[in-house]
PDB file of all heavy atoms in Angstrom:
ATOM      1  N   VAL A   1      -8.932  -1.796  13.884  1.00  0.00           N
ATOM      2  CA  VAL A   1      -8.005  -1.657  12.830  1.00  0.00           C
ATOM      3  C   VAL A   1      -8.220  -0.295  12.208  1.00  0.00           C
ATOM      4  O   VAL A   1      -7.337   0.463  11.902  1.00  0.00           O
ATOM      5  CB  VAL A   1      -8.079  -2.811  11.845  1.00  0.00           C
ATOM      6  CG1 VAL A   1      -7.119  -2.640  10.759  1.00  0.00           C
ATOM      7  CG2 VAL A   1      -7.776  -4.190  12.543  1.00  0.00           C
ATOM      8  N   ILE A   2      -9.547   0.012  11.937  1.00  0.00           N
ATOM      9  CA  ILE A   2      -9.897   1.291  11.268  1.00  0.00           C
ATOM     10  C   ILE A   2      -9.347   2.471  12.053  1.00  0.00           C
ATOM     11  O   ILE A   2      -8.758   3.360  11.580  1.00  0.00           O
ATOM     12  CB  ILE A   2     -11.367   1.414  11.013  1.00  0.00           C
ATOM     13  CG1 ILE A   2     -11.861   0.326   9.986  1.00  0.00           C
ATOM     14  CG2 ILE A   2     -11.683   2.808  10.469  1.00  0.00           C
ATOM     15  CD1 ILE A   2     -13.273   0.220   9.737  1.00  0.00           C
ATOM     16  N   ALA A   3      -9.657   2.444  13.395  1.00  0.00           N
ATOM     17  CA  ALA A   3      -9.210   3.500  14.265  1.00  0.00           C
ATOM     18  C   ALA A   3      -7.695   3.599  14.312  1.00  0.00           C
ATOM     19  O   ALA A   3      -7.245   4.793  14.351  1.00  0.00           O
ATOM     20  CB  ALA A   3      -9.869   3.255  15.757  1.00  0.00           C
ATOM     21  N   VAL A   4      -7.052   2.520  14.300  1.00  0.00           N
ATOM     22  CA  VAL A   4      -5.623   2.535  14.403  1.00  0.00           C
ATOM     23  C   VAL A   4      -4.982   3.170  13.126  1.00  0.00           C
ATOM     24  O   VAL A   4      -4.191   4.044  13.143  1.00  0.00           O
ATOM     25  CB  VAL A   4      -4.991   1.117  14.523  1.00  0.00           C
ATOM     26  CG1 VAL A   4      -3.428   1.084  14.225  1.00  0.00           C
ATOM     27  CG2 VAL A   4      -5.176   0.665  15.969  1.00  0.00           C
ATOM     28  N   GLU A   5      -5.576   2.810  12.001  1.00  0.00           N
ATOM     29  CA  GLU A   5      -5.017   3.293  10.699  1.00  0.00           C
ATOM     30  C   GLU A   5      -5.459   4.866  10.570  1.00  0.00           C
ATOM     31  O   GLU A   5      -4.652   5.565   9.827  1.00  0.00           O
ATOM     32  CB  GLU A   5      -5.649   2.557   9.523  1.00  0.00           C
ATOM     33  CG  GLU A   5      -5.069   1.147   9.452  1.00  0.00           C
ATOM     34  CD  GLU A   5      -5.420   0.400   8.131  1.00  0.00           C
ATOM     35  OE1 GLU A   5      -6.111   1.082   7.292  1.00  0.00           O
ATOM     36  OE2 GLU A   5      -4.940  -0.697   7.872  1.00  0.00           O
ATOM     37  N   GLN A   6      -6.430   5.234  11.167  1.00  0.00           N
ATOM     38  CA  GLN A   6      -6.838   6.672  11.132  1.00  0.00           C
ATOM     39  C   GLN A   6      -6.294   7.428  12.267  1.00  0.00           C
ATOM     40  O   GLN A   6      -6.647   8.615  12.432  1.00  0.00           O
ATOM     41  CB  GLN A   6      -8.352   6.805  11.078  1.00  0.00           C
ATOM     42  CG  GLN A   6      -8.992   6.196   9.819  1.00  0.00           C
ATOM     43  CD  GLN A   6     -10.513   6.226   9.890  1.00  0.00           C
ATOM     44  OE1 GLN A   6     -11.143   6.671  10.870  1.00  0.00           O
ATOM     45  NE2 GLN A   6     -11.134   5.925   8.780  1.00  0.00           N
ATOM     46  N   ALA A   7      -5.350   6.901  12.948  1.00  0.00           N
ATOM     47  CA  ALA A   7      -4.683   7.536  14.026  1.00  0.00           C
ATOM     48  C   ALA A   7      -5.647   8.109  15.119  1.00  0.00           C
ATOM     49  O   ALA A   7      -5.415   9.101  15.775  1.00  0.00           O
ATOM     50  CB  ALA A   7      -3.822   8.664  13.501  1.00  0.00           C
ATOM     51  N   ARG A   8      -6.708   7.317  15.309  1.00  0.00           N
ATOM     52  CA  ARG A   8      -7.711   7.745  16.335  1.00  0.00           C
ATOM     53  C   ARG A   8      -7.686   6.692  17.542  1.00  0.00           C
ATOM     54  O   ARG A   8      -8.587   6.921  18.409  1.00  0.00           O
ATOM     55  CB  ARG A   8      -9.109   7.696  15.779  1.00  0.00           C
ATOM     56  CG  ARG A   8      -9.394   8.599  14.575  1.00  0.00           C
ATOM     57  CD  ARG A   8     -10.819   8.727  14.221  1.00  0.00           C
ATOM     58  NE  ARG A   8     -11.175   7.555  13.493  1.00  0.00           N
ATOM     59  CZ  ARG A   8     -11.953   6.610  13.970  1.00  0.00           C
ATOM     60  NH1 ARG A   8     -12.382   6.636  15.275  1.00  0.00           N
ATOM     61  NH2 ARG A   8     -12.366   5.557  13.198  1.00  0.00           N
ATOM     62  N   ALA A   9      -6.718   5.867  17.559  1.00  0.00           N
ATOM     63  CA  ALA A   9      -6.673   4.871  18.677  1.00  0.00           C
ATOM     64  C   ALA A   9      -5.395   4.905  19.452  1.00  0.00           C
ATOM     65  O   ALA A   9      -4.313   5.294  18.772  1.00  0.00           O
ATOM     66  CB  ALA A   9      -6.975   3.449  18.139  1.00  0.00           C
ATOM     67  N   ASN A  10      -5.225   4.529  20.629  1.00  0.00           N
ATOM     68  CA  ASN A  10      -4.099   4.361  21.455  1.00  0.00           C
ATOM     69  C   ASN A  10      -4.085   2.882  21.936  1.00  0.00           C
ATOM     70  O   ASN A  10      -4.351   2.667  23.130  1.00  0.00           O
ATOM     71  CB  ASN A  10      -4.113   5.409  22.599  1.00  0.00           C
ATOM     72  CG  ASN A  10      -2.765   5.344  23.343  1.00  0.00           C
ATOM     73  OD1 ASN A  10      -1.750   4.864  22.821  1.00  0.00           O
ATOM     74  ND2 ASN A  10      -2.940   5.663  24.572  1.00  0.00           N
ATOM     75  N   PRO A  11      -3.885   1.937  21.080  1.00  0.00           N
ATOM     76  CA  PRO A  11      -3.944   0.523  21.574  1.00  0.00           C
ATOM     77  C   PRO A  11      -2.973   0.110  22.577  1.00  0.00           C
ATOM     78  O   PRO A  11      -1.886   0.582  22.669  1.00  0.00           O
ATOM     79  CB  PRO A  11      -3.707  -0.261  20.211  1.00  0.00           C
ATOM     80  CG  PRO A  11      -2.823   0.562  19.358  1.00  0.00           C
ATOM     81  CD  PRO A  11      -3.367   2.066  19.712  1.00  0.00           C
ATOM     82  N   ASN A  12      -3.360  -0.864  23.386  1.00  0.00           N
ATOM     83  CA  ASN A  12      -2.444  -1.293  24.416  1.00  0.00           C
ATOM     84  C   ASN A  12      -1.429  -2.199  23.836  1.00  0.00           C
ATOM     85  O   ASN A  12      -1.514  -2.572  22.605  1.00  0.00           O
ATOM     86  CB  ASN A  12      -3.259  -2.023  25.588  1.00  0.00           C
ATOM     87  CG  ASN A  12      -4.110  -3.166  25.054  1.00  0.00           C
ATOM     88  OD1 ASN A  12      -3.737  -3.816  24.154  1.00  0.00           O
ATOM     89  ND2 ASN A  12      -5.191  -3.319  25.703  1.00  0.00           N
ATOM     90  N   ILE A  13      -0.479  -2.674  24.682  1.00  0.00           N
ATOM     91  CA  ILE A  13       0.663  -3.486  24.134  1.00  0.00           C
ATOM     92  C   ILE A  13       0.193  -4.798  23.584  1.00  0.00           C
ATOM     93  O   ILE A  13       0.720  -5.353  22.625  1.00  0.00           O
ATOM     94  CB  ILE A  13       1.746  -3.684  25.228  1.00  0.00           C
ATOM     95  CG1 ILE A  13       2.941  -4.361  24.693  1.00  0.00           C
ATOM     96  CG2 ILE A  13       1.199  -4.469  26.435  1.00  0.00           C
ATOM     97  CD1 ILE A  13       3.640  -3.617  23.530  1.00  0.00           C
ATOM     98  N   ALA A  14      -0.860  -5.365  24.166  1.00  0.00           N
ATOM     99  CA  ALA A  14      -1.441  -6.713  23.696  1.00  0.00           C
ATOM    100  C   ALA A  14      -1.936  -6.579  22.304  1.00  0.00           C
ATOM    101  O   ALA A  14      -1.716  -7.389  21.471  1.00  0.00           O
ATOM    102  CB  ALA A  14      -2.472  -7.160  24.698  1.00  0.00           C
ATOM    103  N   THR A  15      -2.692  -5.433  22.072  1.00  0.00           N
ATOM    104  CA  THR A  15      -3.191  -5.266  20.692  1.00  0.00           C
ATOM    105  C   THR A  15      -2.097  -4.957  19.695  1.00  0.00           C
ATOM    106  O   THR A  15      -2.032  -5.451  18.608  1.00  0.00           O
ATOM    107  CB  THR A  15      -4.156  -4.027  20.702  1.00  0.00           C
ATOM    108  OG1 THR A  15      -5.242  -4.306  21.516  1.00  0.00           O
ATOM    109  CG2 THR A  15      -4.795  -3.803  19.318  1.00  0.00           C
ATOM    110  N   LEU A  16      -1.072  -4.261  20.110  1.00  0.00           N
ATOM    111  CA  LEU A  16       0.113  -3.893  19.221  1.00  0.00           C
ATOM    112  C   LEU A  16       0.789  -5.310  18.899  1.00  0.00           C
ATOM    113  O   LEU A  16       1.161  -5.529  17.762  1.00  0.00           O
ATOM    114  CB  LEU A  16       1.038  -3.079  19.885  1.00  0.00           C
ATOM    115  CG  LEU A  16       0.664  -1.628  20.011  1.00  0.00           C
ATOM    116  CD1 LEU A  16       1.792  -0.778  20.757  1.00  0.00           C
ATOM    117  CD2 LEU A  16       0.491  -1.013  18.622  1.00  0.00           C
ATOM    118  N   CYS A  17       0.926  -6.144  19.838  1.00  0.00           N
ATOM    119  CA  CYS A  17       1.564  -7.401  19.560  1.00  0.00           C
ATOM    120  C   CYS A  17       0.708  -8.330  18.647  1.00  0.00           C
ATOM    121  O   CYS A  17       1.337  -8.941  17.771  1.00  0.00           O
ATOM    122  CB  CYS A  17       1.848  -8.210  20.937  1.00  0.00           C
ATOM    123  SG  CYS A  17       3.122  -7.419  21.919  1.00  0.00           S
ATOM    124  N   ARG A  18      -0.542  -8.293  18.800  1.00  0.00           N
ATOM    125  CA  ARG A  18      -1.356  -9.051  17.913  1.00  0.00           C
ATOM    126  C   ARG A  18      -1.347  -8.528  16.442  1.00  0.00           C
ATOM    127  O   ARG A  18      -1.323  -9.324  15.493  1.00  0.00           O
ATOM    128  CB  ARG A  18      -2.884  -8.943  18.379  1.00  0.00           C
ATOM    129  CG  ARG A  18      -3.127  -9.881  19.698  1.00  0.00           C
ATOM    130  CD  ARG A  18      -4.489  -9.602  20.182  1.00  0.00           C
ATOM    131  NE  ARG A  18      -4.754 -10.329  21.387  1.00  0.00           N
ATOM    132  CZ  ARG A  18      -5.863 -10.174  22.149  1.00  0.00           C
ATOM    133  NH1 ARG A  18      -6.698  -9.176  21.926  1.00  0.00           N
ATOM    134  NH2 ARG A  18      -5.971 -10.800  23.268  1.00  0.00           N
ATOM    135  N   LEU A  19      -1.326  -7.230  16.364  1.00  0.00           N
ATOM    136  CA  LEU A  19      -1.279  -6.638  14.971  1.00  0.00           C
ATOM    137  C   LEU A  19       0.083  -6.941  14.345  1.00  0.00           C
ATOM    138  O   LEU A  19       0.157  -7.278  13.151  1.00  0.00           O
ATOM    139  CB  LEU A  19      -1.458  -5.111  15.143  1.00  0.00           C
ATOM    140  CG  LEU A  19      -2.895  -4.647  15.402  1.00  0.00           C
ATOM    141  CD1 LEU A  19      -2.899  -3.154  15.695  1.00  0.00           C
ATOM    142  CD2 LEU A  19      -3.824  -5.024  14.310  1.00  0.00           C
ATOM    143  N   ALA A  20       1.183  -6.865  15.174  1.00  0.00           N
ATOM    144  CA  ALA A  20       2.449  -7.044  14.640  1.00  0.00           C
ATOM    145  C   ALA A  20       2.607  -8.546  14.121  1.00  0.00           C
ATOM    146  O   ALA A  20       3.169  -8.840  13.130  1.00  0.00           O
ATOM    147  CB  ALA A  20       3.517  -6.759  15.752  1.00  0.00           C
ATOM    148  N   ASP A  21       2.146  -9.392  14.950  1.00  0.00           N
ATOM    149  CA  ASP A  21       2.205 -10.857  14.668  1.00  0.00           C
ATOM    150  C   ASP A  21       1.376 -11.255  13.398  1.00  0.00           C
ATOM    151  O   ASP A  21       1.840 -11.858  12.484  1.00  0.00           O
ATOM    152  CB  ASP A  21       1.621 -11.663  15.822  1.00  0.00           C
ATOM    153  CG  ASP A  21       1.754 -13.282  15.558  1.00  0.00           C
ATOM    154  OD1 ASP A  21       2.794 -13.694  15.345  1.00  0.00           O
ATOM    155  OD2 ASP A  21       0.661 -13.863  15.423  1.00  0.00           O
ATOM    156  N   ALA A  22       0.173 -10.459  13.259  1.00  0.00           N
ATOM    157  CA  ALA A  22      -0.684 -10.765  12.058  1.00  0.00           C
ATOM    158  C   ALA A  22      -0.025 -10.256  10.767  1.00  0.00           C
ATOM    159  O   ALA A  22      -0.238 -10.747   9.787  1.00  0.00           O
ATOM    160  CB  ALA A  22      -1.984 -10.138  12.325  1.00  0.00           C
ATOM    161  N   LEU A  23       0.837  -9.252  10.970  1.00  0.00           N
ATOM    162  CA  LEU A  23       1.409  -8.685   9.802  1.00  0.00           C
ATOM    163  C   LEU A  23       2.814  -9.201   9.503  1.00  0.00           C
ATOM    164  O   LEU A  23       3.509  -8.806   8.617  1.00  0.00           O
ATOM    165  CB  LEU A  23       1.568  -7.072  10.018  1.00  0.00           C
ATOM    166  CG  LEU A  23       0.197  -6.368   9.973  1.00  0.00           C
ATOM    167  CD1 LEU A  23       0.405  -4.927  10.450  1.00  0.00           C
ATOM    168  CD2 LEU A  23      -0.345  -6.325   8.544  1.00  0.00           C
ATOM    169  N   GLY A  24       3.288  -9.996  10.527  1.00  0.00           N
ATOM    170  CA  GLY A  24       4.618 -10.664  10.305  1.00  0.00           C
ATOM    171  C   GLY A  24       5.766  -9.798  10.486  1.00  0.00           C
ATOM    172  O   GLY A  24       6.836  -9.986   9.934  1.00  0.00           O
ATOM    173  N   VAL A  25       5.635  -8.882  11.506  1.00  0.00           N
ATOM    174  CA  VAL A  25       6.728  -7.898  11.846  1.00  0.00           C
ATOM    175  C   VAL A  25       6.811  -7.861  13.319  1.00  0.00           C
ATOM    176  O   VAL A  25       6.067  -8.290  14.025  1.00  0.00           O
ATOM    177  CB  VAL A  25       6.565  -6.563  11.207  1.00  0.00           C
ATOM    178  CG1 VAL A  25       6.505  -6.649   9.684  1.00  0.00           C
ATOM    179  CG2 VAL A  25       5.274  -5.913  11.702  1.00  0.00           C
ATOM    180  N   GLY A  26       7.841  -7.119  13.824  1.00  0.00           N
ATOM    181  CA  GLY A  26       8.021  -6.798  15.179  1.00  0.00           C
ATOM    182  C   GLY A  26       7.191  -5.491  15.529  1.00  0.00           C
ATOM    183  O   GLY A  26       6.951  -4.713  14.666  1.00  0.00           O
ATOM    184  N   VAL A  27       6.935  -5.368  16.803  1.00  0.00           N
ATOM    185  CA  VAL A  27       6.379  -4.124  17.251  1.00  0.00           C
ATOM    186  C   VAL A  27       7.080  -2.849  16.826  1.00  0.00           C
ATOM    187  O   VAL A  27       6.387  -1.891  16.421  1.00  0.00           O
ATOM    188  CB  VAL A  27       6.045  -4.142  18.703  1.00  0.00           C
ATOM    189  CG1 VAL A  27       5.517  -2.779  19.249  1.00  0.00           C
ATOM    190  CG2 VAL A  27       5.120  -5.196  19.246  1.00  0.00           C
ATOM    191  N   ASP A  28       8.378  -2.944  16.868  1.00  0.00           N
ATOM    192  CA  ASP A  28       9.240  -1.725  16.431  1.00  0.00           C
ATOM    193  C   ASP A  28       8.929  -1.296  15.131  1.00  0.00           C
ATOM    194  O   ASP A  28       8.939  -0.077  14.782  1.00  0.00           O
ATOM    195  CB  ASP A  28      10.685  -2.013  16.661  1.00  0.00           C
ATOM    196  CG  ASP A  28      11.209  -3.216  15.859  1.00  0.00           C
ATOM    197  OD1 ASP A  28      10.437  -4.087  15.600  1.00  0.00           O
ATOM    198  OD2 ASP A  28      12.330  -3.145  15.456  1.00  0.00           O
ATOM    199  N   SER A  29       8.553  -2.188  14.126  1.00  0.00           N
ATOM    200  CA  SER A  29       8.186  -1.794  12.813  1.00  0.00           C
ATOM    201  C   SER A  29       6.857  -1.081  12.725  1.00  0.00           C
ATOM    202  O   SER A  29       6.705  -0.313  11.821  1.00  0.00           O
ATOM    203  CB  SER A  29       8.135  -3.055  11.875  1.00  0.00           C
ATOM    204  OG  SER A  29       9.462  -3.609  11.753  1.00  0.00           O
ATOM    205  N   LEU A  30       5.945  -1.337  13.720  1.00  0.00           N
ATOM    206  CA  LEU A  30       4.717  -0.730  13.725  1.00  0.00           C
ATOM    207  C   LEU A  30       4.830   0.788  14.211  1.00  0.00           C
ATOM    208  O   LEU A  30       3.993   1.630  13.739  1.00  0.00           O
ATOM    209  CB  LEU A  30       3.639  -1.442  14.647  1.00  0.00           C
ATOM    210  CG  LEU A  30       3.212  -2.803  14.167  1.00  0.00           C
ATOM    211  CD1 LEU A  30       2.109  -3.302  15.019  1.00  0.00           C
ATOM    212  CD2 LEU A  30       2.854  -2.787  12.753  1.00  0.00           C
ATOM    213  N   ILE A  31       5.770   1.011  15.069  1.00  0.00           N
ATOM    214  CA  ILE A  31       5.855   2.418  15.619  1.00  0.00           C
ATOM    215  C   ILE A  31       7.057   3.236  15.113  1.00  0.00           C
ATOM    216  O   ILE A  31       7.370   4.248  15.584  1.00  0.00           O
ATOM    217  CB  ILE A  31       5.902   2.381  17.156  1.00  0.00           C
ATOM    218  CG1 ILE A  31       7.144   1.554  17.624  1.00  0.00           C
ATOM    219  CG2 ILE A  31       4.735   1.650  17.736  1.00  0.00           C
ATOM    220  CD1 ILE A  31       7.345   1.470  19.095  1.00  0.00           C
ATOM    221  N   GLU A  32       7.613   2.713  14.053  1.00  0.00           N
ATOM    222  CA  GLU A  32       8.797   3.409  13.376  1.00  0.00           C
ATOM    223  C   GLU A  32       8.311   4.716  12.958  1.00  0.00           C
ATOM    224  O   GLU A  32       7.332   4.871  12.231  1.00  0.00           O
ATOM    225  CB  GLU A  32       9.376   2.517  12.270  1.00  0.00           C
ATOM    226  CG  GLU A  32      10.599   2.970  11.604  1.00  0.00           C
ATOM    227  CD  GLU A  32      11.086   2.050  10.501  1.00  0.00           C
ATOM    228  OE1 GLU A  32      10.294   1.452   9.935  1.00  0.00           O
ATOM    229  OE2 GLU A  32      12.262   1.889  10.508  1.00  0.00           O
ATOM    230  N   ALA A  33       9.222   5.792  13.206  1.00  0.00           N
ATOM    231  CA  ALA A  33       8.873   7.098  12.820  1.00  0.00           C
ATOM    232  C   ALA A  33       9.098   7.242  11.281  1.00  0.00           C
ATOM    233  O   ALA A  33       9.787   6.530  10.663  1.00  0.00           O
ATOM    234  CB  ALA A  33       9.769   8.074  13.549  1.00  0.00           C
ATOM    235  N   ALA A  34       8.300   8.165  10.736  1.00  0.00           N
ATOM    236  CA  ALA A  34       8.415   8.479   9.340  1.00  0.00           C
ATOM    237  C   ALA A  34       9.778   8.928   8.906  1.00  0.00           C
ATOM    238  O   ALA A  34      10.476   9.614   9.729  1.00  0.00           O
ATOM    239  CB  ALA A  34       7.464   9.541   8.909  1.00  0.00           C
ATOM    240  N   GLY A  35      10.254   8.718   7.751  1.00  0.00           N
ATOM    241  CA  GLY A  35      11.575   9.134   7.299  1.00  0.00           C
ATOM    242  C   GLY A  35      11.632   8.908   5.750  1.00  0.00           C
ATOM    243  O   GLY A  35      10.630   8.738   5.146  1.00  0.00           O
ATOM    244  N   GLY A  36      12.946   8.962   5.230  1.00  0.00           N
ATOM    245  CA  GLY A  36      13.031   8.737   3.784  1.00  0.00           C
ATOM    246  C   GLY A  36      12.917   7.275   3.476  1.00  0.00           C
ATOM    247  O   GLY A  36      12.599   6.438   4.370  1.00  0.00           O
TER     248      GLY A  36
END
């Protein structure tokens, strides 16, 4: 988790799905580009 938040990790799809489920969102919400 620390490595992901510090942009030092390239997690696989299984880890992405676990993080998304734990946060109650879809994977697309995790990789959404910055914007206004």
